[in-house]
PDB file of N, CA and C in Angstrom:
ATOM      1  N   MET A   1      46.420  82.913 -46.801  1.00  0.00           N
ATOM      2  CA  MET A   1      46.867  81.951 -47.794  1.00  0.00           C
ATOM      3  C   MET A   1      46.436  80.560 -47.325  1.00  0.00           C
ATOM      4  N   GLN A   2      45.745  79.859 -48.189  1.00  0.00           N
ATOM      5  CA  GLN A   2      45.345  78.489 -47.890  1.00  0.00           C
ATOM      6  C   GLN A   2      46.574  77.589 -47.896  1.00  0.00           C
ATOM      7  N   TRP A   3      46.502  76.490 -47.151  1.00  0.00           N
ATOM      8  CA  TRP A   3      47.657  75.612 -47.066  1.00  0.00           C
ATOM      9  C   TRP A   3      48.028  75.043 -48.427  1.00  0.00           C
ATOM     10  N   THR A   4      47.054  74.735 -49.270  1.00  0.00           N
ATOM     11  CA  THR A   4      47.367  74.184 -50.590  1.00  0.00           C
ATOM     12  C   THR A   4      48.152  75.190 -51.431  1.00  0.00           C
ATOM     13  N   GLN A   5      47.838  76.477 -51.302  1.00  0.00           N
ATOM     14  CA  GLN A   5      48.595  77.515 -52.004  1.00  0.00           C
ATOM     15  C   GLN A   5      50.019  77.573 -51.458  1.00  0.00           C
ATOM     16  N   PHE A   6      50.138  77.453 -50.151  1.00  0.00           N
ATOM     17  CA  PHE A   6      51.445  77.468 -49.508  1.00  0.00           C
ATOM     18  C   PHE A   6      52.293  76.310 -50.025  1.00  0.00           C
ATOM     19  N   GLU A   7      51.696  75.127 -50.079  1.00  0.00           N
ATOM     20  CA  GLU A   7      52.404  73.950 -50.595  1.00  0.00           C
ATOM     21  C   GLU A   7      52.870  74.184 -52.030  1.00  0.00           C
ATOM     22  N   GLY A   8      51.989  74.748 -52.835  1.00  0.00           N
ATOM     23  CA  GLY A   8      52.313  74.987 -54.241  1.00  0.00           C
ATOM     24  C   GLY A   8      53.424  75.999 -54.437  1.00  0.00           C
ATOM     25  N   ASN A   9      53.596  76.885 -53.477  1.00  0.00           N
ATOM     26  CA  ASN A   9      54.615  77.928 -53.573  1.00  0.00           C
ATOM     27  C   ASN A   9      55.875  77.601 -52.786  1.00  0.00           C
ATOM     28  N   LEU A  10      55.986  76.386 -52.281  1.00  0.00           N
ATOM     29  CA  LEU A  10      57.098  76.042 -51.409  1.00  0.00           C
ATOM     30  C   LEU A  10      58.449  76.318 -52.044  1.00  0.00           C
ATOM     31  N   GLU A  11      58.630  75.964 -53.296  1.00  0.00           N
ATOM     32  CA  GLU A  11      59.921  76.209 -53.944  1.00  0.00           C
ATOM     33  C   GLU A  11      60.218  77.705 -54.009  1.00  0.00           C
ATOM     34  N   ARG A  12      59.214  78.495 -54.262  1.00  0.00           N
ATOM     35  CA  ARG A  12      59.394  79.943 -54.374  1.00  0.00           C
ATOM     36  C   ARG A  12      59.721  80.578 -53.023  1.00  0.00           C
ATOM     37  N   ILE A  13      59.146  80.050 -51.953  1.00  0.00           N
ATOM     38  CA  ILE A  13      59.336  80.666 -50.636  1.00  0.00           C
ATOM     39  C   ILE A  13      60.357  79.929 -49.773  1.00  0.00           C
ATOM     40  N   LYS A  14      61.041  78.961 -50.360  1.00  0.00           N
ATOM     41  CA  LYS A  14      62.014  78.171 -49.598  1.00  0.00           C
ATOM     42  C   LYS A  14      63.038  79.071 -48.900  1.00  0.00           C
ATOM     43  N   GLY A  15      63.524  80.086 -49.587  1.00  0.00           N
ATOM     44  CA  GLY A  15      64.492  81.004 -48.989  1.00  0.00           C
ATOM     45  C   GLY A  15      63.929  81.730 -47.783  1.00  0.00           C
ATOM     46  N   GLN A  16      62.658  82.129 -47.879  1.00  0.00           N
ATOM     47  CA  GLN A  16      62.011  82.800 -46.765  1.00  0.00           C
ATOM     48  C   GLN A  16      61.857  81.848 -45.574  1.00  0.00           C
ATOM     49  N   LEU A  17      61.536  80.590 -45.863  1.00  0.00           N
ATOM     50  CA  LEU A  17      61.445  79.598 -44.794  1.00  0.00           C
ATOM     51  C   LEU A  17      62.783  79.442 -44.091  1.00  0.00           C
ATOM     52  N   LEU A  18      63.848  79.400 -44.859  1.00  0.00           N
ATOM     53  CA  LEU A  18      65.172  79.236 -44.271  1.00  0.00           C
ATOM     54  C   LEU A  18      65.599  80.482 -43.484  1.00  0.00           C
ATOM     55  N   GLN A  19      65.114  81.654 -43.875  1.00  0.00           N
ATOM     56  CA  GLN A  19      65.389  82.861 -43.095  1.00  0.00           C
ATOM     57  C   GLN A  19      64.653  82.807 -41.764  1.00  0.00           C
ATOM     58  N   LYS A  20      63.411  82.354 -41.786  1.00  0.00           N
ATOM     59  CA  LYS A  20      62.597  82.283 -40.568  1.00  0.00           C
ATOM     60  C   LYS A  20      63.116  81.206 -39.628  1.00  0.00           C
ATOM     61  N   TRP A  21      63.378  80.025 -40.166  1.00  0.00           N
ATOM     62  CA  TRP A  21      63.838  78.892 -39.367  1.00  0.00           C
ATOM     63  C   TRP A  21      65.210  78.478 -39.884  1.00  0.00           C
ATOM     64  N   GLY A  22      66.226  79.241 -39.496  1.00  0.00           N
ATOM     65  CA  GLY A  22      67.569  79.085 -40.014  1.00  0.00           C
ATOM     66  C   GLY A  22      68.257  77.770 -39.708  1.00  0.00           C
ATOM     67  N   LYS A  23      67.733  77.023 -38.747  1.00  0.00           N
ATOM     68  CA  LYS A  23      68.341  75.736 -38.421  1.00  0.00           C
ATOM     69  C   LYS A  23      67.925  74.641 -39.396  1.00  0.00           C
ATOM     70  N   PHE A  24      66.918  74.925 -40.219  1.00  0.00           N
ATOM     71  CA  PHE A  24      66.490  73.946 -41.220  1.00  0.00           C
ATOM     72  C   PHE A  24      67.524  73.885 -42.338  1.00  0.00           C
ATOM     73  N   THR A  25      67.597  72.755 -42.962  1.00  0.00           N
ATOM     74  CA  THR A  25      68.459  72.597 -44.125  1.00  0.00           C
ATOM     75  C   THR A  25      67.578  72.497 -45.363  1.00  0.00           C
ATOM     76  N   ASP A  26      68.194  72.633 -46.523  1.00  0.00           N
ATOM     77  CA  ASP A  26      67.452  72.424 -47.772  1.00  0.00           C
ATOM     78  C   ASP A  26      66.866  71.015 -47.784  1.00  0.00           C
ATOM     79  N   ASN A  27      67.629  70.069 -47.257  1.00  0.00           N
ATOM     80  CA  ASN A  27      67.168  68.684 -47.202  1.00  0.00           C
ATOM     81  C   ASN A  27      65.917  68.559 -46.334  1.00  0.00           C
ATOM     82  N   ASP A  28      65.885  69.250 -45.189  1.00  0.00           N
ATOM     83  CA  ASP A  28      64.692  69.236 -44.336  1.00  0.00           C
ATOM     84  C   ASP A  28      63.473  69.665 -45.145  1.00  0.00           C
ATOM     85  N   LEU A  29      63.617  70.752 -45.875  1.00  0.00           N
ATOM     86  CA  LEU A  29      62.488  71.291 -46.629  1.00  0.00           C
ATOM     87  C   LEU A  29      62.102  70.384 -47.788  1.00  0.00           C
ATOM     88  N   SER A  30      63.073  69.724 -48.385  1.00  0.00           N
ATOM     89  CA  SER A  30      62.763  68.790 -49.469  1.00  0.00           C
ATOM     90  C   SER A  30      61.981  67.598 -48.944  1.00  0.00           C
ATOM     91  N   ILE A  31      62.363  67.117 -47.786  1.00  0.00           N
ATOM     92  CA  ILE A  31      61.673  65.976 -47.185  1.00  0.00           C
ATOM     93  C   ILE A  31      60.251  66.357 -46.783  1.00  0.00           C
ATOM     94  N   LEU A  32      60.098  67.562 -46.250  1.00  0.00           N
ATOM     95  CA  LEU A  32      58.784  68.002 -45.787  1.00  0.00           C
ATOM     96  C   LEU A  32      57.797  68.172 -46.928  1.00  0.00           C
ATOM     97  N   ARG A  33      58.283  68.694 -48.048  1.00  0.00           N
ATOM     98  CA  ARG A  33      57.460  68.935 -49.241  1.00  0.00           C
ATOM     99  C   ARG A  33      56.155  69.681 -48.917  1.00  0.00           C
ATOM    100  N   GLY A  34      56.219  70.581 -47.943  1.00  0.00           N
ATOM    101  CA  GLY A  34      55.069  71.413 -47.647  1.00  0.00           C
ATOM    102  C   GLY A  34      54.001  70.764 -46.801  1.00  0.00           C
ATOM    103  N   LYS A  35      54.256  69.586 -46.262  1.00  0.00           N
ATOM    104  CA  LYS A  35      53.265  68.913 -45.426  1.00  0.00           C
ATOM    105  C   LYS A  35      53.182  69.622 -44.085  1.00  0.00           C
ATOM    106  N   LYS A  36      52.032  70.172 -43.802  1.00  0.00           N
ATOM    107  CA  LYS A  36      51.851  71.027 -42.633  1.00  0.00           C
ATOM    108  C   LYS A  36      52.219  70.319 -41.336  1.00  0.00           C
ATOM    109  N   ASP A  37      51.695  69.135 -41.106  1.00  0.00           N
ATOM    110  CA  ASP A  37      51.968  68.432 -39.855  1.00  0.00           C
ATOM    111  C   ASP A  37      53.446  68.115 -39.697  1.00  0.00           C
ATOM    112  N   GLU A  38      54.093  67.754 -40.783  1.00  0.00           N
ATOM    113  CA  GLU A  38      55.522  67.446 -40.719  1.00  0.00           C
ATOM    114  C   GLU A  38      56.341  68.705 -40.479  1.00  0.00           C
ATOM    115  N   LEU A  39      55.931  69.815 -41.063  1.00  0.00           N
ATOM    116  CA  LEU A  39      56.638  71.075 -40.848  1.00  0.00           C
ATOM    117  C   LEU A  39      56.504  71.504 -39.386  1.00  0.00           C
ATOM    118  N   ILE A  40      55.305  71.404 -38.844  1.00  0.00           N
ATOM    119  CA  ILE A  40      55.101  71.734 -37.436  1.00  0.00           C
ATOM    120  C   ILE A  40      55.939  70.806 -36.558  1.00  0.00           C
ATOM    121  N   GLY A  41      55.944  69.527 -36.878  1.00  0.00           N
ATOM    122  CA  GLY A  41      56.748  68.574 -36.121  1.00  0.00           C
ATOM    123  C   GLY A  41      58.226  68.903 -36.171  1.00  0.00           C
ATOM    124  N   ARG A  42      58.694  69.348 -37.325  1.00  0.00           N
ATOM    125  CA  ARG A  42      60.114  69.700 -37.473  1.00  0.00           C
ATOM    126  C   ARG A  42      60.442  70.938 -36.654  1.00  0.00           C
ATOM    127  N   ILE A  43      59.530  71.918 -36.634  1.00  0.00           N
ATOM    128  CA  ILE A  43      59.724  73.109 -35.793  1.00  0.00           C
ATOM    129  C   ILE A  43      59.799  72.685 -34.327  1.00  0.00           C
ATOM    130  N   LEU A  44      58.896  71.793 -33.922  1.00  0.00           N
ATOM    131  CA  LEU A  44      58.900  71.288 -32.540  1.00  0.00           C
ATOM    132  C   LEU A  44      60.240  70.648 -32.202  1.00  0.00           C
ATOM    133  N   HIS A  45      60.714  69.800 -33.082  1.00  0.00           N
ATOM    134  CA  HIS A  45      61.942  69.054 -32.828  1.00  0.00           C
ATOM    135  C   HIS A  45      63.182  69.939 -32.825  1.00  0.00           C
ATOM    136  N   VAL A  46      63.323  70.764 -33.833  1.00  0.00           N
ATOM    137  CA  VAL A  46      64.540  71.560 -33.995  1.00  0.00           C
ATOM    138  C   VAL A  46      64.589  72.723 -33.009  1.00  0.00           C
ATOM    139  N   TYR A  47      63.448  73.349 -32.751  1.00  0.00           N
ATOM    140  CA  TYR A  47      63.436  74.545 -31.916  1.00  0.00           C
ATOM    141  C   TYR A  47      62.906  74.309 -30.503  1.00  0.00           C
ATOM    142  N   ALA A  48      62.462  73.098 -30.202  1.00  0.00           N
ATOM    143  CA  ALA A  48      62.002  72.732 -28.856  1.00  0.00           C
ATOM    144  C   ALA A  48      60.967  73.728 -28.311  1.00  0.00           C
ATOM    145  N   VAL A  49      59.936  73.961 -29.112  1.00  0.00           N
ATOM    146  CA  VAL A  49      58.844  74.834 -28.687  1.00  0.00           C
ATOM    147  C   VAL A  49      57.579  73.988 -28.544  1.00  0.00           C
ATOM    148  N   ALA A  50      56.586  74.546 -27.857  1.00  0.00           N
ATOM    149  CA  ALA A  50      55.304  73.861 -27.706  1.00  0.00           C
ATOM    150  C   ALA A  50      54.599  73.796 -29.057  1.00  0.00           C
ATOM    151  N   LYS A  51      53.747  72.804 -29.219  1.00  0.00           N
ATOM    152  CA  LYS A  51      53.045  72.625 -30.493  1.00  0.00           C
ATOM    153  C   LYS A  51      52.260  73.875 -30.869  1.00  0.00           C
ATOM    154  N   ARG A  52      51.577  74.455 -29.920  1.00  0.00           N
ATOM    155  CA  ARG A  52      50.779  75.654 -30.212  1.00  0.00           C
ATOM    156  C   ARG A  52      51.683  76.800 -30.689  1.00  0.00           C
ATOM    157  N   ASP A  53      52.859  76.940 -30.062  1.00  0.00           N
ATOM    158  CA  ASP A  53      53.798  77.977 -30.488  1.00  0.00           C
ATOM    159  C   ASP A  53      54.269  77.738 -31.922  1.00  0.00           C
ATOM    160  N   ALA A  54      54.531  76.482 -32.256  1.00  0.00           N
ATOM    161  CA  ALA A  54      54.945  76.144 -33.622  1.00  0.00           C
ATOM    162  C   ALA A  54      53.830  76.476 -34.610  1.00  0.00           C
ATOM    163  N   GLU A  55      52.590  76.150 -34.247  1.00  0.00           N
ATOM    164  CA  GLU A  55      51.455  76.457 -35.126  1.00  0.00           C
ATOM    165  C   GLU A  55      51.311  77.963 -35.323  1.00  0.00           C
ATOM    166  N   ILE A  56      51.479  78.727 -34.250  1.00  0.00           N
ATOM    167  CA  ILE A  56      51.382  80.183 -34.333  1.00  0.00           C
ATOM    168  C   ILE A  56      52.484  80.737 -35.222  1.00  0.00           C
ATOM    169  N   GLN A  57      53.713  80.253 -35.030  1.00  0.00           N
ATOM    170  CA  GLN A  57      54.827  80.707 -35.861  1.00  0.00           C
ATOM    171  C   GLN A  57      54.547  80.443 -37.339  1.00  0.00           C
ATOM    172  N   LEU A  58      54.012  79.269 -37.632  1.00  0.00           N
ATOM    173  CA  LEU A  58      53.731  78.913 -39.021  1.00  0.00           C
ATOM    174  C   LEU A  58      52.620  79.795 -39.593  1.00  0.00           C
ATOM    175  N   GLU A  59      51.581  80.046 -38.826  1.00  0.00           N
ATOM    176  CA  GLU A  59      50.498  80.917 -39.297  1.00  0.00           C
ATOM    177  C   GLU A  59      51.006  82.339 -39.525  1.00  0.00           C
ATOM    178  N   GLU A  60      51.851  82.832 -38.624  1.00  0.00           N
ATOM    179  CA  GLU A  60      52.423  84.170 -38.802  1.00  0.00           C
ATOM    180  C   GLU A  60      53.297  84.218 -40.052  1.00  0.00           C
ATOM    181  N   PHE A  61      54.051  83.150 -40.281  1.00  0.00           N
ATOM    182  CA  PHE A  61      54.891  83.095 -41.477  1.00  0.00           C
ATOM    183  C   PHE A  61      54.034  83.101 -42.729  1.00  0.00           C
ATOM    184  N   LYS A  62      52.981  82.280 -42.743  1.00  0.00           N
ATOM    185  CA  LYS A  62      52.088  82.248 -43.912  1.00  0.00           C
ATOM    186  C   LYS A  62      51.500  83.628 -44.172  1.00  0.00           C
ATOM    187  N   ALA A  63      51.102  84.323 -43.104  1.00  0.00           N
ATOM    188  CA  ALA A  63      50.524  85.660 -43.263  1.00  0.00           C
ATOM    189  C   ALA A  63      51.555  86.628 -43.831  1.00  0.00           C
ATOM    190  N   SER A  64      52.820  86.507 -43.398  1.00  0.00           N
ATOM    191  CA  SER A  64      53.849  87.411 -43.908  1.00  0.00           C
ATOM    192  C   SER A  64      54.147  87.128 -45.381  1.00  0.00           C
ATOM    193  N   VAL A  65      54.094  85.876 -45.776  1.00  0.00           N
ATOM    194  CA  VAL A  65      54.294  85.515 -47.182  1.00  0.00           C
ATOM    195  C   VAL A  65      53.155  86.064 -48.021  1.00  0.00           C
ATOM    196  N   LYS A  66      51.944  85.950 -47.518  1.00  0.00           N
ATOM    197  CA  LYS A  66      50.781  86.457 -48.239  1.00  0.00           C
ATOM    198  C   LYS A  66      50.877  87.976 -48.400  1.00  0.00           C
ATOM    199  N   LYS A  67      51.291  88.662 -47.324  1.00  0.00           N
ATOM    200  CA  LYS A  67      51.414  90.118 -47.374  1.00  0.00           C
ATOM    201  C   LYS A  67      52.495  90.523 -48.368  1.00  0.00           C
ATOM    202  N   ALA A  68      53.620  89.826 -48.347  1.00  0.00           N
ATOM    203  CA  ALA A  68      54.714  90.142 -49.278  1.00  0.00           C
ATOM    204  C   ALA A  68      54.286  89.905 -50.723  1.00  0.00           C
ATOM    205  N   LYS A  69      53.517  88.841 -50.945  1.00  0.00           N
ATOM    206  CA  LYS A  69      53.052  88.529 -52.287  1.00  0.00           C
ATOM    207  C   LYS A  69      52.135  89.647 -52.805  1.00  0.00           C
ATOM    208  N   LYS A  70      51.248  90.150 -51.933  1.00  0.00           N
ATOM    209  CA  LYS A  70      50.331  91.222 -52.346  1.00  0.00           C
ATOM    210  C   LYS A  70      51.101  92.500 -52.657  1.00  0.00           C
ATOM    211  N   SER A  71      52.134  92.801 -51.879  1.00  0.00           N
ATOM    212  CA  SER A  71      52.870  94.038 -52.119  1.00  0.00           C
ATOM    213  C   SER A  71      53.739  93.975 -53.375  1.00  0.00           C
ATOM    214  N   ASN A  72      54.033  92.747 -53.847  1.00  0.00           N
ATOM    215  CA  ASN A  72      54.806  92.585 -55.075  1.00  0.00           C
ATOM    216  C   ASN A  72      53.946  92.629 -56.323  1.00  0.00           C
ATOM    217  N   VAL A  73      52.635  92.577 -56.156  1.00  0.00           N
ATOM    218  CA  VAL A  73      51.725  92.552 -57.305  1.00  0.00           C
ATOM    219  C   VAL A  73      51.452  93.916 -57.810  1.00  0.00           C
TER     220      VAL A  73
END
């Protein structure tokens, strides 16, 4: 899934994001508005992980969303 597609689907996948990163609030996600760098930064801040780990987590999440979307079609 391209990042622009991810951004466009943010409202639809907001629940999945909150399941993955349960410490986030709806307000966090509203402020982020799908901005990749800000989302990675928020993962870094809230979960105290290395930047590369945050990037990997986000890529894995995007892949899981893409897989779920294909299985629903």
